[in-house]
Amino acid sequence: MDKSLLLQDGITISITGITVIFGSLTALIFFFRFLIPFLITLPERMKTAKGKEEAQEAIKHEEARNLPGEVNAAIAAAVRMHLEEMHDDESTTLTIEQQQRRYSPWSSKIFVTQNSLR
């Protein structure tokens, strides 16, 4: 084989390897510097956006609170009747049965020692 061809292949492989390593390290730096802090602060930003929506809903609920007492009483009675209808009395008795295990020679020391002595 020609040594110059081997040298050329070796240089190509080396340059490719170094490029892949530095590209991977650059991607990791980008990931840890920019993406992780973004992902960490994402829930806080979502909460503030949700807080604005909740404030708008609170204003709507405040307007809905001006209902007459009879309407509130009817709603409360309907909710109570619905909840009482859904309630079922269940027994709290638990039964625990031990499962029968099949015999396995792999877990039996007696089987191993008897067969190894023969």
C-alpha atoms as a PDB file:
ATOM      1  CA  MET A   1       0.000   0.000   0.000  1.00  0.00           C
ATOM      2  CA  ASP A   2       1.036   3.527  -0.640  1.00  0.00           C
ATOM      3  CA  LYS A   3       2.051   5.384   2.523  1.00  0.00           C
ATOM      4  CA  SER A   4       0.845   8.718   1.186  1.00  0.00           C
ATOM      5  CA  LEU A   5      -2.658   7.289   0.692  1.00  0.00           C
ATOM      6  CA  LEU A   6      -2.697   5.979   4.278  1.00  0.00           C
ATOM      7  CA  LEU A   7      -1.413   9.320   5.542  1.00  0.00           C
ATOM      8  CA  GLN A   8      -4.097  11.175   3.595  1.00  0.00           C
ATOM      9  CA  ASP A   9      -6.825   8.878   5.005  1.00  0.00           C
ATOM     10  CA  GLY A  10      -5.432   9.328   8.504  1.00  0.00           C
ATOM     11  CA  ILE A  11      -5.480  13.100   8.181  1.00  0.00           C
ATOM     12  CA  THR A  12      -9.059  13.008   6.851  1.00  0.00           C
ATOM     13  CA  ILE A  13     -10.207  10.807   9.730  1.00  0.00           C
ATOM     14  CA  SER A  14      -8.403  13.019  12.267  1.00  0.00           C
ATOM     15  CA  ILE A  15      -9.934  16.227  10.909  1.00  0.00           C
ATOM     16  CA  THR A  16     -13.391  14.629  10.833  1.00  0.00           C
ATOM     17  CA  GLY A  17     -13.015  13.385  14.418  1.00  0.00           C
ATOM     18  CA  ILE A  18     -11.796  16.741  15.716  1.00  0.00           C
ATOM     19  CA  THR A  19     -14.651  18.525  13.922  1.00  0.00           C
ATOM     20  CA  VAL A  20     -17.229  16.160  15.418  1.00  0.00           C
ATOM     21  CA  ILE A  21     -15.793  16.569  18.940  1.00  0.00           C
ATOM     22  CA  PHE A  22     -15.664  20.363  18.817  1.00  0.00           C
ATOM     23  CA  GLY A  23     -19.106  20.520  17.221  1.00  0.00           C
ATOM     24  CA  SER A  24     -20.503  18.344  20.012  1.00  0.00           C
ATOM     25  CA  LEU A  25     -18.817  20.460  22.674  1.00  0.00           C
ATOM     26  CA  THR A  26     -20.196  23.627  21.086  1.00  0.00           C
ATOM     27  CA  ALA A  27     -23.690  22.116  21.067  1.00  0.00           C
ATOM     28  CA  LEU A  28     -23.341  21.158  24.751  1.00  0.00           C
ATOM     29  CA  ILE A  29     -22.168  24.660  25.648  1.00  0.00           C
ATOM     30  CA  PHE A  30     -25.158  26.135  23.830  1.00  0.00           C
ATOM     31  CA  PHE A  31     -27.470  23.684  25.563  1.00  0.00           C
ATOM     32  CA  PHE A  32     -26.182  24.378  29.079  1.00  0.00           C
ATOM     33  CA  ARG A  33     -25.738  28.140  28.645  1.00  0.00           C
ATOM     34  CA  PHE A  34     -28.961  29.076  26.901  1.00  0.00           C
ATOM     35  CA  LEU A  35     -31.480  26.264  26.740  1.00  0.00           C
ATOM     36  CA  ILE A  36     -31.370  25.053  30.370  1.00  0.00           C
ATOM     37  CA  PRO A  37     -31.916  28.547  31.890  1.00  0.00           C
ATOM     38  CA  PHE A  38     -34.737  29.074  29.402  1.00  0.00           C
ATOM     39  CA  LEU A  39     -36.370  25.797  30.452  1.00  0.00           C
ATOM     40  CA  ILE A  40     -35.896  26.583  34.150  1.00  0.00           C
ATOM     41  CA  THR A  41     -37.620  29.977  33.874  1.00  0.00           C
ATOM     42  CA  LEU A  42     -40.385  28.680  31.598  1.00  0.00           C
ATOM     43  CA  PRO A  43     -42.794  27.640  34.421  1.00  0.00           C
ATOM     44  CA  GLU A  44     -42.408  31.040  36.100  1.00  0.00           C
ATOM     45  CA  ARG A  45     -43.225  32.828  32.853  1.00  0.00           C
ATOM     46  CA  MET A  46     -46.213  30.556  32.325  1.00  0.00           C
ATOM     47  CA  LYS A  47     -47.442  31.355  35.851  1.00  0.00           C
ATOM     48  CA  THR A  48     -47.265  35.084  35.208  1.00  0.00           C
ATOM     49  CA  ALA A  49     -49.199  34.651  31.966  1.00  0.00           C
ATOM     50  CA  LYS A  50     -51.724  32.479  33.776  1.00  0.00           C
ATOM     51  CA  GLY A  51     -51.907  35.085  36.560  1.00  0.00           C
ATOM     52  CA  LYS A  52     -53.010  37.712  34.054  1.00  0.00           C
ATOM     53  CA  GLU A  53     -55.728  35.385  32.768  1.00  0.00           C
ATOM     54  CA  GLU A  54     -56.844  34.628  36.330  1.00  0.00           C
ATOM     55  CA  ALA A  55     -57.077  38.348  37.077  1.00  0.00           C
ATOM     56  CA  GLN A  56     -59.364  38.812  34.095  1.00  0.00           C
ATOM     57  CA  GLU A  57     -61.472  35.851  35.220  1.00  0.00           C
ATOM     58  CA  ALA A  58     -61.650  37.279  38.747  1.00  0.00           C
ATOM     59  CA  ILE A  59     -63.170  40.431  37.332  1.00  0.00           C
ATOM     60  CA  LYS A  60     -65.783  38.324  35.540  1.00  0.00           C
ATOM     61  CA  HIS A  61     -66.483  36.373  38.750  1.00  0.00           C
ATOM     62  CA  GLU A  62     -66.887  39.633  40.630  1.00  0.00           C
ATOM     63  CA  GLU A  63     -69.602  40.619  38.193  1.00  0.00           C
ATOM     64  CA  ALA A  64     -71.238  37.209  38.637  1.00  0.00           C
ATOM     65  CA  ARG A  65     -71.306  37.617  42.438  1.00  0.00           C
ATOM     66  CA  ASN A  66     -74.000  40.233  42.168  1.00  0.00           C
ATOM     67  CA  LEU A  67     -76.649  37.513  41.762  1.00  0.00           C
ATOM     68  CA  PRO A  68     -79.745  37.575  43.997  1.00  0.00           C
ATOM     69  CA  GLY A  69     -79.812  35.337  47.072  1.00  0.00           C
ATOM     70  CA  GLU A  70     -82.526  33.072  45.675  1.00  0.00           C
ATOM     71  CA  VAL A  71     -80.355  32.173  42.683  1.00  0.00           C
ATOM     72  CA  ASN A  72     -77.384  31.387  44.932  1.00  0.00           C
ATOM     73  CA  ALA A  73     -79.577  29.215  47.176  1.00  0.00           C
ATOM     74  CA  ALA A  74     -80.929  27.293  44.180  1.00  0.00           C
ATOM     75  CA  ILE A  75     -77.408  26.669  42.869  1.00  0.00           C
ATOM     76  CA  ALA A  76     -76.205  25.502  46.288  1.00  0.00           C
ATOM     77  CA  ALA A  77     -79.175  23.133  46.670  1.00  0.00           C
ATOM     78  CA  ALA A  78     -78.586  21.664  43.207  1.00  0.00           C
ATOM     79  CA  VAL A  79     -74.885  21.098  43.885  1.00  0.00           C
ATOM     80  CA  ARG A  80     -75.614  19.447  47.237  1.00  0.00           C
ATOM     81  CA  MET A  81     -78.225  17.128  45.722  1.00  0.00           C
ATOM     82  CA  HIS A  82     -75.818  16.184  42.948  1.00  0.00           C
ATOM     83  CA  LEU A  83     -72.996  15.388  45.388  1.00  0.00           C
ATOM     84  CA  GLU A  84     -75.243  13.313  47.654  1.00  0.00           C
ATOM     85  CA  GLU A  85     -76.454  11.341  44.649  1.00  0.00           C
ATOM     86  CA  MET A  86     -72.928  10.427  43.624  1.00  0.00           C
ATOM     87  CA  HIS A  87     -71.881   9.191  47.076  1.00  0.00           C
ATOM     88  CA  ASP A  88     -71.713   5.418  47.359  1.00  0.00           C
ATOM     89  CA  ASP A  89     -71.007   3.499  50.529  1.00  0.00           C
ATOM     90  CA  GLU A  90     -68.190   1.111  49.797  1.00  0.00           C
ATOM     91  CA  SER A  91     -66.879  -1.553  52.099  1.00  0.00           C
ATOM     92  CA  THR A  92     -63.387  -0.966  53.369  1.00  0.00           C
ATOM     93  CA  THR A  93     -62.611  -4.646  53.894  1.00  0.00           C
ATOM     94  CA  LEU A  94     -59.422  -5.743  52.188  1.00  0.00           C
ATOM     95  CA  THR A  95     -58.688  -9.381  51.530  1.00  0.00           C
ATOM     96  CA  ILE A  96     -55.090 -10.380  51.043  1.00  0.00           C
ATOM     97  CA  GLU A  97     -54.496 -13.841  49.694  1.00  0.00           C
ATOM     98  CA  GLN A  98     -51.067 -15.370  49.504  1.00  0.00           C
ATOM     99  CA  GLN A  99     -50.238 -16.631  46.041  1.00  0.00           C
ATOM    100  CA  GLN A 100     -48.959 -20.155  45.650  1.00  0.00           C
ATOM    101  CA  ARG A 101     -45.551 -20.141  44.029  1.00  0.00           C
ATOM    102  CA  ARG A 102     -44.576 -22.781  41.577  1.00  0.00           C
ATOM    103  CA  TYR A 103     -41.587 -24.922  42.392  1.00  0.00           C
ATOM    104  CA  SER A 104     -38.456 -23.881  40.558  1.00  0.00           C
ATOM    105  CA  PRO A 105     -35.234 -25.863  40.752  1.00  0.00           C
ATOM    106  CA  TRP A 106     -33.258 -22.691  40.051  1.00  0.00           C
ATOM    107  CA  SER A 107     -34.025 -21.300  43.497  1.00  0.00           C
ATOM    108  CA  SER A 108     -33.675 -24.545  45.430  1.00  0.00           C
ATOM    109  CA  LYS A 109     -30.359 -25.153  47.184  1.00  0.00           C
ATOM    110  CA  ILE A 110     -31.294 -28.738  47.973  1.00  0.00           C
ATOM    111  CA  PHE A 111     -31.754 -29.585  44.306  1.00  0.00           C
ATOM    112  CA  VAL A 112     -28.380 -28.080  43.395  1.00  0.00           C
ATOM    113  CA  THR A 113     -26.452 -29.814  46.162  1.00  0.00           C
ATOM    114  CA  GLN A 114     -28.042 -33.208  45.522  1.00  0.00           C
ATOM    115  CA  ASN A 115     -27.297 -33.128  41.811  1.00  0.00           C
ATOM    116  CA  SER A 116     -23.737 -31.864  42.220  1.00  0.00           C
ATOM    117  CA  LEU A 117     -22.822 -34.761  44.566  1.00  0.00           C
ATOM    118  CA  ARG A 118     -23.716 -37.450  42.019  1.00  0.00           C
END
